[in-house]
Amino acid sequence: MARLILKAPYYKPGHTTRKGQSRGGYAEYIAKREGVEILRSGMADYIGNRRGSNGLFSDEGTPINLSGIHAEIDRHPGNIWGFIISLRREDAERLGYNSATQWINLLRSRRNDIAKEMGIAPANLRWVAAYHNKEVNPHVHMLVWSSRPQEPFLSPKGIHNIKKTLAGDIFRQEQIEIYKKQTEARDDLKERYRQQIAKLTASIRENGSTVSPELYEKFALLCKKVSSHKGKKIYGYRHKFCQILFFLPS
């Protein structure tokens, strides 16, 4: 099961939800619905609407006026994409994506990558998002559009690339730990191999006549196969195998 889910529907001009909400109305809905993390006026440059608060955020320093966003999206002549980016609760808790802060940093840092996959010039990218702290699947709603309505296009490959980029950031620390363990396992295997080869070489030097013809044939075949490859590491293995072969009786 995928640990990061990304949905990317788009809404044409004039679109309304089943409840009759316009696209701008949908933006207001995700800004205020139950479970949204409220970003209050004066907090990290977020500006709430009228009496003070909603859950929308965007680029750093971009003021969020809910009624203004509502109107802009409603009158926009192009498509609006409505990303839903979701994690399992256990992953969100473990990785620190259980509050708006990390999502804000992530989406701001990757906004140009998202723009690139959608064919939007970074300067033309417009987006707002809100974090919903749901019990089972904490997620972000992100509305994306361009100030040049003819620009955006999102292919299945683009969706895949955006998901891959975001997942890479979210799970990076976990991946580093996995790579570290894999490296340790490889190093351990190499050391055991080195010890076994050293032991075998010593045994051959001392008791070469007792080595079986089958073992000789296997090392001869291995030495021959390795000799057809290139590279410093392969050269090292070839040297070791052929050195052992030298001590084996033919």
Protein backbone atom coordinates (compact mmCIF):
# COMPACT_ATOMS: atom_id res chain seq x y z
CA MET A 1 0.00 0.00 0.00
CA ALA A 2 1.35 3.44 -0.96
CA ARG A 3 2.26 5.54 2.05
CA LEU A 4 1.62 8.81 0.25
CA ILE A 5 -1.60 9.32 -1.70
CA LEU A 6 -1.90 12.11 -4.26
CA LYS A 7 -5.12 12.92 -6.06
CA ALA A 8 -5.21 15.67 -8.67
CA PRO A 9 -8.69 16.46 -10.00
CA TYR A 10 -9.23 19.70 -11.89
CA TYR A 11 -12.21 22.03 -12.03
CA LYS A 12 -13.26 23.92 -15.12
CA PRO A 13 -14.66 27.46 -15.08
CA GLY A 14 -18.22 27.40 -13.80
CA HIS A 15 -17.74 24.13 -11.91
CA THR A 16 -19.91 23.56 -8.86
CA THR A 17 -19.76 20.82 -6.23
CA ARG A 18 -22.62 18.48 -5.41
CA LYS A 19 -23.58 20.92 -2.68
CA GLY A 20 -23.69 23.73 -5.21
CA GLN A 21 -20.44 25.38 -4.16
CA SER A 22 -18.45 27.30 -6.76
CA ARG A 23 -14.70 26.80 -7.05
CA GLY A 24 -14.15 29.80 -4.82
CA GLY A 25 -16.70 28.41 -2.41
CA TYR A 26 -14.72 25.19 -2.30
CA ALA A 27 -11.58 27.17 -1.39
CA GLU A 28 -13.50 28.77 1.48
CA TYR A 29 -14.79 25.36 2.52
CA ILE A 30 -11.31 23.80 2.84
CA ALA A 31 -10.14 26.93 4.70
CA LYS A 32 -12.79 26.56 7.40
CA ARG A 33 -14.04 22.99 7.47
CA GLU A 34 -13.85 20.89 10.60
CA GLY A 35 -10.34 19.58 11.28
CA VAL A 36 -8.49 22.40 9.51
CA GLU A 37 -5.53 23.85 11.39
CA ILE A 38 -6.26 27.53 11.87
CA LEU A 39 -3.52 30.03 11.05
CA ARG A 40 -4.26 33.19 12.99
CA SER A 41 -3.60 36.78 12.01
CA GLY A 42 -0.04 37.88 12.69
CA MET A 43 1.28 34.30 12.88
CA ALA A 44 4.16 33.79 10.45
CA ASP A 45 2.80 36.41 8.06
CA TYR A 46 -0.57 34.72 7.62
CA ILE A 47 -3.47 37.11 7.42
CA GLY A 48 -6.91 35.87 8.44
CA ASN A 49 -10.17 37.13 7.06
CA ARG A 50 -12.30 39.72 8.89
CA ARG A 51 -12.67 38.37 12.39
CA GLY A 52 -9.35 36.83 12.18
CA SER A 53 -8.64 33.30 11.08
CA ASN A 54 -8.76 30.54 8.48
CA GLY A 55 -6.55 27.65 7.47
CA LEU A 56 -5.18 28.82 4.11
CA PHE A 57 -1.48 29.36 3.43
CA SER A 58 0.60 30.02 0.33
CA ASP A 59 4.06 31.37 -0.55
CA GLU A 60 5.94 33.12 2.23
CA GLY A 61 4.89 36.73 2.51
CA THR A 62 1.77 36.23 0.41
CA PRO A 63 -1.23 37.64 2.28
CA ILE A 64 -4.27 35.39 2.45
CA ASN A 65 -7.56 37.22 2.20
CA LEU A 66 -10.28 34.60 2.02
CA SER A 67 -12.88 36.71 0.27
CA GLY A 68 -10.23 37.82 -2.25
CA ILE A 69 -9.16 34.23 -2.97
CA HIS A 70 -12.80 33.21 -3.28
CA ALA A 71 -13.43 35.91 -5.88
CA GLU A 72 -10.18 35.31 -7.80
CA ILE A 73 -10.83 31.59 -8.18
CA ASP A 74 -14.44 32.11 -9.20
CA ARG A 75 -13.58 34.56 -11.96
CA HIS A 76 -10.47 32.69 -13.17
CA PRO A 77 -11.01 31.75 -16.85
CA GLY A 78 -8.82 28.63 -16.74
CA ASN A 79 -8.80 25.32 -14.91
CA ILE A 80 -8.08 24.99 -11.20
CA TRP A 81 -6.34 21.86 -9.91
CA GLY A 82 -7.33 20.55 -6.50
CA PHE A 83 -4.54 18.35 -5.13
CA ILE A 84 -5.27 16.17 -2.13
CA ILE A 85 -2.03 14.94 -0.53
CA SER A 86 -2.59 12.37 2.19
CA LEU A 87 -0.58 10.31 4.68
CA ARG A 88 -1.53 7.54 7.06
CA ARG A 89 -1.80 8.75 10.63
CA GLU A 90 1.10 6.60 11.85
CA ASP A 91 3.38 7.97 9.13
CA ALA A 92 2.36 11.58 9.81
CA GLU A 93 3.07 11.16 13.53
CA ARG A 94 6.39 9.42 13.03
CA LEU A 95 7.68 11.87 10.40
CA GLY A 96 6.39 15.11 11.92
CA TYR A 97 3.72 15.82 9.30
CA ASN A 98 0.97 16.02 11.92
CA SER A 99 0.71 19.82 11.86
CA ALA A 100 0.55 22.56 9.26
CA THR A 101 4.15 23.71 9.79
CA GLN A 102 5.89 20.87 7.97
CA TRP A 103 3.38 20.93 5.12
CA ILE A 104 3.88 24.66 4.72
CA ASN A 105 7.65 24.20 4.47
CA LEU A 106 7.30 21.27 2.07
CA LEU A 107 4.91 22.93 -0.37
CA ARG A 108 6.80 26.20 -0.36
CA SER A 109 10.09 24.46 -1.04
CA ARG A 110 8.61 22.38 -3.88
CA ARG A 111 6.31 24.94 -5.48
CA ASN A 112 8.65 25.39 -8.47
CA ASP A 113 8.83 21.63 -9.00
CA ILE A 114 5.03 21.48 -9.04
CA ALA A 115 4.93 24.43 -11.45
CA LYS A 116 7.43 22.70 -13.76
CA GLU A 117 5.38 19.49 -13.94
CA MET A 118 2.30 21.56 -14.79
CA GLY A 119 4.01 23.68 -17.44
CA ILE A 120 3.56 26.85 -15.38
CA ALA A 121 6.26 29.53 -15.25
CA PRO A 122 7.18 29.92 -11.55
CA ALA A 123 6.28 33.61 -11.59
CA ASN A 124 2.78 32.74 -12.83
CA LEU A 125 2.05 30.04 -10.26
CA ARG A 126 -0.85 30.74 -7.93
CA TRP A 127 -1.71 28.38 -5.09
CA VAL A 128 -3.29 28.12 -1.69
CA ALA A 129 -3.49 25.15 0.63
CA ALA A 130 -4.92 24.06 3.98
CA TYR A 131 -3.95 21.25 6.35
CA HIS A 132 -6.68 19.00 7.71
CA ASN A 133 -5.70 17.03 10.80
CA LYS A 134 -7.99 14.06 10.21
CA GLU A 135 -7.78 11.13 12.61
CA VAL A 136 -7.01 8.42 10.05
CA ASN A 137 -5.48 10.29 7.11
CA PRO A 138 -4.00 13.74 7.80
CA HIS A 139 -3.94 15.56 4.50
CA VAL A 140 -3.49 18.81 2.62
CA HIS A 141 -5.85 20.37 0.08
CA MET A 142 -3.86 22.43 -2.42
CA LEU A 143 -5.55 24.53 -5.11
CA VAL A 144 -3.23 25.39 -8.02
CA TRP A 145 -3.70 27.63 -11.03
CA SER A 146 -1.77 30.03 -13.26
CA SER A 147 -2.11 33.75 -13.87
CA ARG A 148 -1.84 32.70 -17.55
CA PRO A 149 -4.86 30.40 -17.99
CA GLN A 150 -3.46 28.75 -21.13
CA GLU A 151 -0.36 27.42 -19.36
CA PRO A 152 -1.32 24.56 -17.05
CA PHE A 153 -1.32 20.96 -18.18
CA LEU A 154 -0.89 17.98 -15.91
CA SER A 155 -0.23 14.54 -17.37
CA PRO A 156 -0.23 11.19 -15.49
CA LYS A 157 3.58 11.34 -15.63
CA GLY A 158 3.48 14.80 -14.08
CA ILE A 159 1.29 13.55 -11.25
CA HIS A 160 3.71 10.66 -10.72
CA ASN A 161 6.71 13.03 -10.62
CA ILE A 162 5.05 15.39 -8.13
CA LYS A 163 4.15 12.47 -5.89
CA LYS A 164 7.68 11.08 -6.13
CA THR A 165 9.21 14.46 -5.27
CA LEU A 166 6.98 15.06 -2.25
CA ALA A 167 7.35 11.49 -0.98
CA GLY A 168 11.13 11.76 -1.36
CA ASP A 169 11.17 14.78 0.95
CA ILE A 170 8.69 13.37 3.46
CA PHE A 171 10.40 10.00 3.80
CA ARG A 172 13.99 11.19 3.28
CA GLN A 173 15.19 10.68 6.84
CA GLU A 174 13.64 7.24 6.92
CA GLN A 175 15.31 6.40 3.59
CA ILE A 176 18.67 7.58 4.94
CA GLU A 177 18.32 5.13 7.82
CA ILE A 178 17.45 2.33 5.39
CA TYR A 179 20.45 3.14 3.17
CA LYS A 180 22.66 3.26 6.26
CA LYS A 181 21.56 -0.23 7.30
CA GLN A 182 22.01 -1.51 3.74
CA THR A 183 25.54 -0.08 3.67
CA GLU A 184 26.35 -1.67 7.02
CA ALA A 185 25.01 -5.01 5.76
CA ARG A 186 27.14 -4.78 2.59
CA ASP A 187 30.22 -3.84 4.60
CA ASP A 188 29.62 -6.77 6.92
CA LEU A 189 29.22 -9.12 3.95
CA LYS A 190 32.45 -7.82 2.37
CA GLU A 191 34.34 -8.32 5.62
CA ARG A 192 33.07 -11.88 6.00
CA TYR A 193 33.99 -12.54 2.37
CA ARG A 194 37.48 -11.12 2.94
CA GLN A 195 37.97 -13.32 5.98
CA GLN A 196 36.75 -16.43 4.15
CA ILE A 197 39.00 -15.75 1.16
CA ALA A 198 42.00 -15.17 3.45
CA LYS A 199 41.22 -18.41 5.28
CA LEU A 200 40.80 -20.32 2.02
CA THR A 201 44.03 -18.90 0.58
CA ALA A 202 45.97 -19.87 3.71
CA SER A 203 44.50 -23.36 3.58
CA ILE A 204 45.43 -23.77 -0.08
CA ARG A 205 49.00 -22.67 0.55
CA GLU A 206 49.35 -25.17 3.35
CA ASN A 207 47.33 -28.06 1.90
CA GLY A 208 47.14 -27.38 -1.80
CA SER A 209 47.27 -31.00 -2.77
CA THR A 210 44.09 -31.77 -0.85
CA VAL A 211 41.97 -29.23 -2.73
CA SER A 212 39.33 -30.89 -4.89
CA PRO A 213 39.37 -30.60 -8.71
CA GLU A 214 35.81 -29.27 -8.52
CA LEU A 215 36.97 -26.28 -6.44
CA TYR A 216 39.73 -25.59 -8.93
CA GLU A 217 37.27 -25.65 -11.84
CA LYS A 218 34.90 -23.27 -10.06
CA PHE A 219 37.61 -20.73 -9.33
CA ALA A 220 38.93 -21.03 -12.88
CA LEU A 221 35.45 -20.34 -14.27
CA LEU A 222 34.92 -17.45 -11.85
CA CYS A 223 38.27 -15.91 -12.72
CA LYS A 224 37.47 -16.18 -16.43
CA LYS A 225 34.05 -14.53 -16.05
CA VAL A 226 35.34 -11.69 -13.89
CA SER A 227 38.19 -11.04 -16.36
CA SER A 228 35.66 -10.00 -19.03
CA HIS A 229 34.41 -7.07 -16.91
CA LYS A 230 35.97 -3.66 -16.35
CA GLY A 231 36.30 -1.30 -13.40
CA LYS A 232 38.46 -0.84 -10.34
CA LYS A 233 36.31 -3.01 -8.08
CA ILE A 234 36.17 -5.81 -10.67
CA TYR A 235 39.96 -5.59 -11.04
CA GLY A 236 40.29 -6.11 -7.30
CA TYR A 237 38.07 -9.19 -7.35
CA ARG A 238 39.89 -10.55 -10.43
CA HIS A 239 43.21 -10.15 -8.65
CA LYS A 240 41.94 -12.01 -5.59
CA PHE A 241 40.36 -14.86 -7.56
CA CYS A 242 43.33 -15.35 -9.85
CA GLN A 243 45.73 -15.17 -6.91
CA ILE A 244 43.80 -18.03 -5.29
CA LEU A 245 43.76 -19.91 -8.60
CA PHE A 246 47.55 -19.66 -8.73
CA PHE A 247 47.80 -21.75 -5.55
CA LEU A 248 45.25 -24.32 -6.65
CA PRO A 249 46.56 -27.55 -8.17
CA SER A 250 45.38 -28.12 -11.73
